[in-house]
Amino acid sequence: MTLARYPNTGYMRIASVLDADGKPLTGDAATAEGKFVCDDPRPARWAGEKGIWLHGFWVYDWADVRIPLASADPAARTISLGPSPGRTYHLRSGRWFYAENVLPELDSPGEWYLERENGVLYFWLRTPVIGPSRRLRRSRPDPSK
């Protein structure tokens, strides 16, 4: 099973890394905001979505990291990883990444999405269910045992 992602194959790219004032940075840019312009307009659809993670090769081909998405600004086509106390993001223009756990991108059989806030798992079956449909229930372990 594949966690719902965009793009389904391949990657998006960082068009330019931005400083706190929105000015482009060059080279291996260190930024507390983790803000950049994306080369793909698709993240504009995700404004307000929760639980999205970005999996990218932010600086080097051999080092991949998953980072939660803080926000996407549709008007500016920017993505922000969001400030985190004591955290500095190292990003470089031209590097590649994809988004995962994106509900609006649950678009193929075998994909799933987890809404952690309410404990709901969305799953697109690879084959149709024959017969009565089934509803899964969430069970929680008894903390007293």
N, C-alpha and C. Protein backbone atom coordinates (compact mmCIF):
# COMPACT_ATOMS: atom_id res chain seq x y z
N MET A 1 0.83 -1.16 0.00
CA MET A 1 0.00 0.00 0.00
C MET A 1 0.89 1.24 0.00
N THR A 2 0.39 2.27 -0.64
CA THR A 2 1.13 3.51 -0.76
C THR A 2 0.40 4.62 -0.02
N LEU A 3 1.13 5.36 0.76
CA LEU A 3 0.57 6.53 1.42
C LEU A 3 0.22 7.55 0.34
N ALA A 4 -1.00 8.10 0.37
CA ALA A 4 -1.45 9.05 -0.67
C ALA A 4 -0.41 10.15 -0.82
N ARG A 5 0.04 10.35 -2.07
CA ARG A 5 1.14 11.29 -2.30
C ARG A 5 0.96 12.05 -3.60
N TYR A 6 1.75 13.12 -3.71
CA TYR A 6 1.83 13.88 -4.95
C TYR A 6 3.27 14.30 -5.16
N PRO A 7 3.75 14.13 -6.37
CA PRO A 7 3.10 13.41 -7.46
C PRO A 7 3.11 11.90 -7.21
N ASN A 8 2.25 11.18 -7.92
CA ASN A 8 2.18 9.73 -7.74
C ASN A 8 3.51 9.07 -8.06
N THR A 9 4.22 9.60 -9.03
CA THR A 9 5.57 9.16 -9.35
C THR A 9 6.42 10.40 -9.58
N GLY A 10 7.68 10.31 -9.34
CA GLY A 10 8.56 11.45 -9.55
C GLY A 10 8.51 12.45 -8.41
N TYR A 11 8.93 13.68 -8.71
CA TYR A 11 9.09 14.68 -7.67
C TYR A 11 8.68 16.07 -8.15
N MET A 12 8.43 16.95 -7.17
CA MET A 12 8.35 18.38 -7.41
C MET A 12 9.75 18.92 -7.11
N ARG A 13 9.97 20.19 -7.48
CA ARG A 13 11.29 20.79 -7.23
C ARG A 13 11.17 22.13 -6.52
N ILE A 14 12.22 22.47 -5.80
CA ILE A 14 12.32 23.78 -5.17
C ILE A 14 12.77 24.76 -6.25
N ALA A 15 11.94 25.75 -6.57
CA ALA A 15 12.31 26.76 -7.57
C ALA A 15 13.30 27.76 -6.96
N SER A 16 13.03 28.21 -5.74
CA SER A 16 13.97 29.07 -5.03
C SER A 16 13.69 29.04 -3.54
N VAL A 17 14.75 29.12 -2.76
CA VAL A 17 14.66 29.16 -1.30
C VAL A 17 14.54 30.62 -0.90
N LEU A 18 13.68 30.92 0.09
CA LEU A 18 13.44 32.30 0.49
C LEU A 18 13.90 32.56 1.93
N ASP A 19 14.37 33.78 2.17
CA ASP A 19 14.72 34.17 3.54
C ASP A 19 13.46 34.66 4.25
N ALA A 20 13.61 35.15 5.48
CA ALA A 20 12.46 35.60 6.28
C ALA A 20 11.70 36.74 5.62
N ASP A 21 12.38 37.54 4.78
CA ASP A 21 11.73 38.66 4.09
C ASP A 21 11.20 38.28 2.71
N GLY A 22 11.33 37.02 2.34
CA GLY A 22 10.84 36.58 1.04
C GLY A 22 11.81 36.78 -0.10
N LYS A 23 13.06 37.08 0.21
CA LYS A 23 14.08 37.27 -0.83
C LYS A 23 14.77 35.95 -1.12
N PRO A 24 15.05 35.68 -2.40
CA PRO A 24 15.70 34.41 -2.77
C PRO A 24 17.11 34.29 -2.20
N LEU A 25 17.43 33.07 -1.77
CA LEU A 25 18.77 32.74 -1.27
C LEU A 25 19.44 31.82 -2.29
N THR A 26 20.75 31.75 -2.27
CA THR A 26 21.47 30.90 -3.22
C THR A 26 22.29 29.85 -2.48
N GLY A 27 22.70 28.82 -3.22
CA GLY A 27 23.53 27.77 -2.66
C GLY A 27 22.80 26.96 -1.60
N ASP A 28 23.57 26.41 -0.69
CA ASP A 28 23.03 25.66 0.45
C ASP A 28 22.53 26.68 1.45
N ALA A 29 21.24 26.98 1.40
CA ALA A 29 20.66 28.05 2.20
C ALA A 29 20.20 27.53 3.56
N ALA A 30 20.60 28.20 4.62
CA ALA A 30 20.16 27.88 5.97
C ALA A 30 19.07 28.88 6.33
N THR A 31 17.91 28.37 6.70
CA THR A 31 16.78 29.24 7.01
C THR A 31 15.95 28.66 8.15
N ALA A 32 15.55 29.50 9.08
CA ALA A 32 14.72 29.05 10.19
C ALA A 32 13.28 28.83 9.76
N GLU A 33 12.84 29.51 8.70
CA GLU A 33 11.45 29.42 8.25
C GLU A 33 11.19 28.21 7.36
N GLY A 34 12.22 27.77 6.64
CA GLY A 34 12.03 26.66 5.72
C GLY A 34 11.02 27.02 4.64
N LYS A 35 11.14 28.21 4.08
CA LYS A 35 10.17 28.69 3.10
C LYS A 35 10.80 28.69 1.71
N PHE A 36 10.03 28.20 0.72
CA PHE A 36 10.55 28.16 -0.64
C PHE A 36 9.41 28.21 -1.66
N VAL A 37 9.79 28.54 -2.89
CA VAL A 37 8.85 28.55 -4.01
C VAL A 37 8.91 27.19 -4.67
N CYS A 38 7.75 26.61 -4.92
CA CYS A 38 7.66 25.30 -5.54
C CYS A 38 7.47 25.47 -7.05
N ASP A 39 8.05 24.56 -7.85
CA ASP A 39 7.92 24.64 -9.30
C ASP A 39 6.59 24.10 -9.81
N ASP A 40 5.75 23.61 -8.91
CA ASP A 40 4.48 22.99 -9.29
C ASP A 40 3.33 23.73 -8.60
N PRO A 41 2.27 24.09 -9.32
CA PRO A 41 1.16 24.82 -8.69
C PRO A 41 0.26 23.95 -7.79
N ARG A 42 0.40 22.64 -7.84
CA ARG A 42 -0.49 21.73 -7.13
C ARG A 42 -0.59 21.98 -5.62
N PRO A 43 0.49 22.28 -4.90
CA PRO A 43 0.36 22.49 -3.45
C PRO A 43 -0.62 23.59 -3.06
N ALA A 44 -0.99 24.47 -3.98
CA ALA A 44 -1.99 25.50 -3.68
C ALA A 44 -3.31 24.86 -3.25
N ARG A 45 -3.59 23.66 -3.73
CA ARG A 45 -4.82 22.95 -3.37
C ARG A 45 -4.82 22.49 -1.91
N TRP A 46 -3.67 22.45 -1.30
CA TRP A 46 -3.55 21.88 0.03
C TRP A 46 -3.65 22.90 1.15
N ALA A 47 -3.90 24.15 0.83
CA ALA A 47 -4.02 25.17 1.87
C ALA A 47 -5.08 24.72 2.89
N GLY A 48 -4.72 24.68 4.14
CA GLY A 48 -5.64 24.28 5.20
C GLY A 48 -5.65 22.79 5.50
N GLU A 49 -5.02 21.97 4.67
CA GLU A 49 -4.96 20.52 4.93
C GLU A 49 -4.02 20.26 6.10
N LYS A 50 -4.29 19.22 6.86
CA LYS A 50 -3.46 18.88 8.01
C LYS A 50 -2.78 17.53 7.80
N GLY A 51 -1.67 17.34 8.47
CA GLY A 51 -1.01 16.04 8.47
C GLY A 51 -0.16 15.73 7.26
N ILE A 52 0.14 16.72 6.43
CA ILE A 52 0.95 16.49 5.23
C ILE A 52 2.43 16.49 5.60
N TRP A 53 3.16 15.55 5.04
CA TRP A 53 4.60 15.47 5.21
C TRP A 53 5.27 15.61 3.86
N LEU A 54 6.43 16.24 3.85
CA LEU A 54 7.22 16.39 2.63
C LEU A 54 8.46 15.52 2.77
N HIS A 55 8.65 14.65 1.80
CA HIS A 55 9.80 13.75 1.79
C HIS A 55 10.73 14.24 0.69
N GLY A 56 11.91 14.72 1.09
CA GLY A 56 12.77 15.32 0.09
C GLY A 56 14.24 15.07 0.27
N PHE A 57 14.94 15.33 -0.81
CA PHE A 57 16.40 15.35 -0.85
C PHE A 57 16.74 16.84 -0.89
N TRP A 58 16.72 17.47 0.27
CA TRP A 58 16.71 18.92 0.40
C TRP A 58 18.04 19.58 0.03
N VAL A 59 19.15 18.87 0.20
CA VAL A 59 20.45 19.45 -0.11
C VAL A 59 21.31 18.47 -0.91
N TYR A 60 21.37 17.21 -0.47
CA TYR A 60 22.24 16.21 -1.08
C TYR A 60 21.44 15.05 -1.64
N ASP A 61 21.98 14.41 -2.68
CA ASP A 61 21.32 13.26 -3.31
C ASP A 61 21.23 12.06 -2.37
N TRP A 62 22.10 11.97 -1.41
CA TRP A 62 22.17 10.80 -0.54
C TRP A 62 21.50 11.01 0.82
N ALA A 63 20.89 12.16 1.04
CA ALA A 63 20.29 12.43 2.35
C ALA A 63 18.84 12.86 2.18
N ASP A 64 17.92 11.97 2.51
CA ASP A 64 16.50 12.31 2.43
C ASP A 64 15.93 12.46 3.84
N VAL A 65 14.99 13.40 3.98
CA VAL A 65 14.37 13.70 5.27
C VAL A 65 12.90 13.96 5.05
N ARG A 66 12.07 13.49 5.99
CA ARG A 66 10.64 13.79 5.98
C ARG A 66 10.39 14.92 6.99
N ILE A 67 9.69 15.96 6.52
CA ILE A 67 9.44 17.15 7.34
C ILE A 67 7.95 17.50 7.22
N PRO A 68 7.27 17.81 8.33
CA PRO A 68 5.86 18.19 8.21
C PRO A 68 5.69 19.53 7.50
N LEU A 69 4.66 19.60 6.69
CA LEU A 69 4.31 20.84 5.99
C LEU A 69 3.58 21.76 6.97
N ALA A 70 4.08 22.99 7.12
CA ALA A 70 3.40 23.95 8.00
C ALA A 70 2.28 24.65 7.24
N SER A 71 2.59 25.12 6.01
CA SER A 71 1.56 25.82 5.23
C SER A 71 1.95 25.90 3.76
N ALA A 72 0.92 26.13 2.95
CA ALA A 72 1.11 26.37 1.52
C ALA A 72 0.35 27.65 1.19
N ASP A 73 1.02 28.58 0.54
CA ASP A 73 0.41 29.86 0.17
C ASP A 73 0.09 29.82 -1.32
N PRO A 74 -1.20 29.67 -1.68
CA PRO A 74 -1.58 29.55 -3.09
C PRO A 74 -1.22 30.77 -3.93
N ALA A 75 -1.36 31.96 -3.38
CA ALA A 75 -1.10 33.18 -4.14
C ALA A 75 0.39 33.33 -4.48
N ALA A 76 1.25 33.03 -3.52
CA ALA A 76 2.69 33.20 -3.73
C ALA A 76 3.36 31.92 -4.24
N ARG A 77 2.61 30.81 -4.26
CA ARG A 77 3.14 29.50 -4.65
C ARG A 77 4.32 29.09 -3.76
N THR A 78 4.20 29.43 -2.48
CA THR A 78 5.26 29.09 -1.54
C THR A 78 4.81 27.99 -0.59
N ILE A 79 5.79 27.29 -0.10
CA ILE A 79 5.61 26.24 0.89
C ILE A 79 6.46 26.63 2.09
N SER A 80 5.91 26.42 3.28
CA SER A 80 6.66 26.71 4.49
C SER A 80 6.72 25.46 5.35
N LEU A 81 7.92 25.12 5.77
CA LEU A 81 8.09 24.00 6.68
C LEU A 81 7.82 24.44 8.11
N GLY A 82 7.81 25.74 8.31
CA GLY A 82 7.44 26.31 9.60
C GLY A 82 8.58 26.39 10.58
N PRO A 83 8.65 27.50 11.31
CA PRO A 83 9.69 27.64 12.31
C PRO A 83 9.51 26.63 13.44
N SER A 84 10.61 26.11 13.91
CA SER A 84 10.61 25.18 15.02
C SER A 84 11.76 25.60 15.93
N PRO A 85 11.52 25.79 17.23
CA PRO A 85 12.57 26.28 18.12
C PRO A 85 13.86 25.47 17.99
N GLY A 86 14.95 26.17 17.72
CA GLY A 86 16.25 25.54 17.61
C GLY A 86 16.51 24.83 16.29
N ARG A 87 15.57 24.90 15.36
CA ARG A 87 15.71 24.18 14.08
C ARG A 87 16.12 25.14 12.98
N THR A 88 17.08 24.73 12.19
CA THR A 88 17.46 25.46 10.98
C THR A 88 17.33 24.48 9.83
N TYR A 89 16.62 24.89 8.78
CA TYR A 89 16.45 24.05 7.60
C TYR A 89 17.55 24.37 6.60
N HIS A 90 18.14 23.35 6.04
CA HIS A 90 19.11 23.53 4.97
C HIS A 90 18.43 23.08 3.69
N LEU A 91 18.29 24.02 2.75
CA LEU A 91 17.59 23.77 1.50
C LEU A 91 18.43 24.29 0.35
N ARG A 92 18.18 23.76 -0.83
CA ARG A 92 18.90 24.21 -2.01
C ARG A 92 17.94 24.22 -3.20
N SER A 93 17.97 25.29 -3.96
CA SER A 93 17.14 25.40 -5.17
C SER A 93 17.44 24.24 -6.11
N GLY A 94 16.39 23.76 -6.77
CA GLY A 94 16.54 22.67 -7.73
C GLY A 94 16.40 21.29 -7.12
N ARG A 95 16.37 21.20 -5.78
CA ARG A 95 16.27 19.89 -5.12
C ARG A 95 14.85 19.37 -5.22
N TRP A 96 14.68 18.09 -5.03
CA TRP A 96 13.39 17.45 -5.28
C TRP A 96 12.77 16.89 -4.01
N PHE A 97 11.44 16.79 -4.07
CA PHE A 97 10.67 16.31 -2.94
C PHE A 97 9.28 15.88 -3.43
N TYR A 98 8.57 15.15 -2.60
CA TYR A 98 7.15 14.86 -2.85
C TYR A 98 6.39 14.99 -1.54
N ALA A 99 5.09 15.13 -1.65
CA ALA A 99 4.23 15.26 -0.47
C ALA A 99 3.53 13.93 -0.23
N GLU A 100 3.38 13.57 1.04
CA GLU A 100 2.68 12.33 1.37
C GLU A 100 1.71 12.56 2.52
N ASN A 101 0.76 11.64 2.63
CA ASN A 101 -0.36 11.75 3.56
C ASN A 101 -1.20 12.99 3.22
N VAL A 102 -1.59 13.07 1.94
CA VAL A 102 -2.35 14.21 1.41
C VAL A 102 -3.73 13.70 0.98
N LEU A 103 -4.77 14.03 1.75
CA LEU A 103 -6.10 13.52 1.44
C LEU A 103 -6.57 13.87 0.03
N PRO A 104 -6.41 15.11 -0.45
CA PRO A 104 -6.87 15.40 -1.82
C PRO A 104 -6.12 14.61 -2.90
N GLU A 105 -5.01 13.98 -2.55
CA GLU A 105 -4.24 13.19 -3.51
C GLU A 105 -4.50 11.70 -3.39
N LEU A 106 -5.48 11.31 -2.60
CA LEU A 106 -5.89 9.90 -2.51
C LEU A 106 -6.65 9.59 -3.80
N ASP A 107 -5.91 9.14 -4.82
CA ASP A 107 -6.51 9.06 -6.16
C ASP A 107 -6.24 7.77 -6.90
N SER A 108 -5.67 6.77 -6.22
CA SER A 108 -5.35 5.53 -6.91
C SER A 108 -5.64 4.33 -6.01
N PRO A 109 -6.10 3.22 -6.60
CA PRO A 109 -6.30 2.00 -5.80
C PRO A 109 -5.02 1.59 -5.09
N GLY A 110 -5.15 1.19 -3.83
CA GLY A 110 -4.00 0.78 -3.03
C GLY A 110 -3.40 1.91 -2.22
N GLU A 111 -3.93 3.12 -2.34
CA GLU A 111 -3.43 4.25 -1.56
C GLU A 111 -4.24 4.40 -0.27
N TRP A 112 -3.62 5.03 0.70
CA TRP A 112 -4.28 5.29 1.98
C TRP A 112 -3.87 6.63 2.53
N TYR A 113 -4.68 7.12 3.47
CA TYR A 113 -4.44 8.40 4.14
C TYR A 113 -4.86 8.24 5.59
N LEU A 114 -4.07 8.76 6.51
CA LEU A 114 -4.40 8.68 7.92
C LEU A 114 -4.69 10.07 8.47
N GLU A 115 -5.91 10.25 8.94
CA GLU A 115 -6.30 11.49 9.62
C GLU A 115 -6.07 11.26 11.11
N ARG A 116 -4.91 11.68 11.56
CA ARG A 116 -4.49 11.40 12.94
C ARG A 116 -5.38 12.09 13.98
N GLU A 117 -5.83 13.29 13.66
CA GLU A 117 -6.61 14.06 14.63
C GLU A 117 -7.84 13.29 15.12
N ASN A 118 -8.53 12.60 14.20
CA ASN A 118 -9.74 11.86 14.56
C ASN A 118 -9.55 10.35 14.50
N GLY A 119 -8.33 9.90 14.19
CA GLY A 119 -8.06 8.47 14.14
C GLY A 119 -8.79 7.76 13.02
N VAL A 120 -8.91 8.41 11.85
CA VAL A 120 -9.63 7.81 10.72
C VAL A 120 -8.63 7.43 9.63
N LEU A 121 -8.74 6.20 9.17
CA LEU A 121 -7.92 5.71 8.08
C LEU A 121 -8.78 5.63 6.83
N TYR A 122 -8.34 6.31 5.76
CA TYR A 122 -9.02 6.24 4.47
C TYR A 122 -8.20 5.30 3.60
N PHE A 123 -8.86 4.34 2.96
CA PHE A 123 -8.14 3.36 2.16
C PHE A 123 -8.90 3.09 0.87
N TRP A 124 -8.22 3.17 -0.27
CA TRP A 124 -8.82 2.87 -1.57
C TRP A 124 -8.41 1.44 -1.90
N LEU A 125 -9.37 0.54 -1.87
CA LEU A 125 -9.10 -0.88 -2.12
C LEU A 125 -8.61 -1.10 -3.54
N ARG A 126 -7.74 -2.09 -3.70
CA ARG A 126 -7.24 -2.43 -5.04
C ARG A 126 -8.31 -3.11 -5.88
N THR A 127 -9.19 -3.87 -5.23
CA THR A 127 -10.28 -4.54 -5.94
C THR A 127 -11.58 -4.21 -5.22
N PRO A 128 -12.68 -4.19 -5.95
CA PRO A 128 -13.96 -3.86 -5.31
C PRO A 128 -14.38 -4.93 -4.30
N VAL A 129 -15.12 -4.50 -3.31
CA VAL A 129 -15.67 -5.42 -2.31
C VAL A 129 -16.89 -6.08 -2.92
N ILE A 130 -16.93 -7.39 -2.88
CA ILE A 130 -18.09 -8.14 -3.39
C ILE A 130 -18.92 -8.54 -2.19
N GLY A 131 -20.21 -8.29 -2.27
CA GLY A 131 -21.08 -8.60 -1.15
C GLY A 131 -21.26 -7.36 -0.29
N PRO A 132 -21.75 -7.55 0.93
CA PRO A 132 -22.01 -6.39 1.80
C PRO A 132 -20.71 -5.66 2.12
N SER A 133 -20.81 -4.36 2.16
CA SER A 133 -19.62 -3.57 2.50
C SER A 133 -19.30 -3.75 3.97
N ARG A 134 -18.08 -3.51 4.32
CA ARG A 134 -17.63 -3.67 5.70
C ARG A 134 -17.19 -2.32 6.25
N ARG A 135 -17.47 -2.11 7.48
CA ARG A 135 -17.02 -0.90 8.16
C ARG A 135 -16.05 -1.34 9.25
N LEU A 136 -14.90 -0.74 9.25
CA LEU A 136 -13.91 -1.06 10.26
C LEU A 136 -14.09 -0.12 11.44
N ARG A 137 -13.90 -0.65 12.60
CA ARG A 137 -13.99 0.16 13.81
C ARG A 137 -12.62 0.30 14.44
N ARG A 138 -12.41 1.44 14.98
CA ARG A 138 -11.16 1.69 15.68
C ARG A 138 -11.30 1.14 17.09
N SER A 139 -10.31 0.40 17.51
CA SER A 139 -10.33 -0.06 18.89
C SER A 139 -9.14 0.53 19.61
N ARG A 140 -9.35 0.84 20.82
CA ARG A 140 -8.30 1.40 21.66
C ARG A 140 -8.03 0.44 22.81
N PRO A 141 -6.75 0.22 23.09
CA PRO A 141 -6.45 -0.66 24.22
C PRO A 141 -6.91 -0.04 25.53
N ASP A 142 -7.29 -0.88 26.46
CA ASP A 142 -7.70 -0.41 27.78
C ASP A 142 -6.45 0.01 28.55
N PRO A 143 -6.30 1.31 28.87
CA PRO A 143 -5.09 1.77 29.54
C PRO A 143 -4.91 1.22 30.96
N SER A 144 -5.97 0.66 31.55
CA SER A 144 -5.88 0.15 32.92
C SER A 144 -5.27 -1.25 32.96
N LYS A 145 -5.09 -1.87 31.79
CA LYS A 145 -4.55 -3.25 31.77
C LYS A 145 -3.12 -3.28 31.34
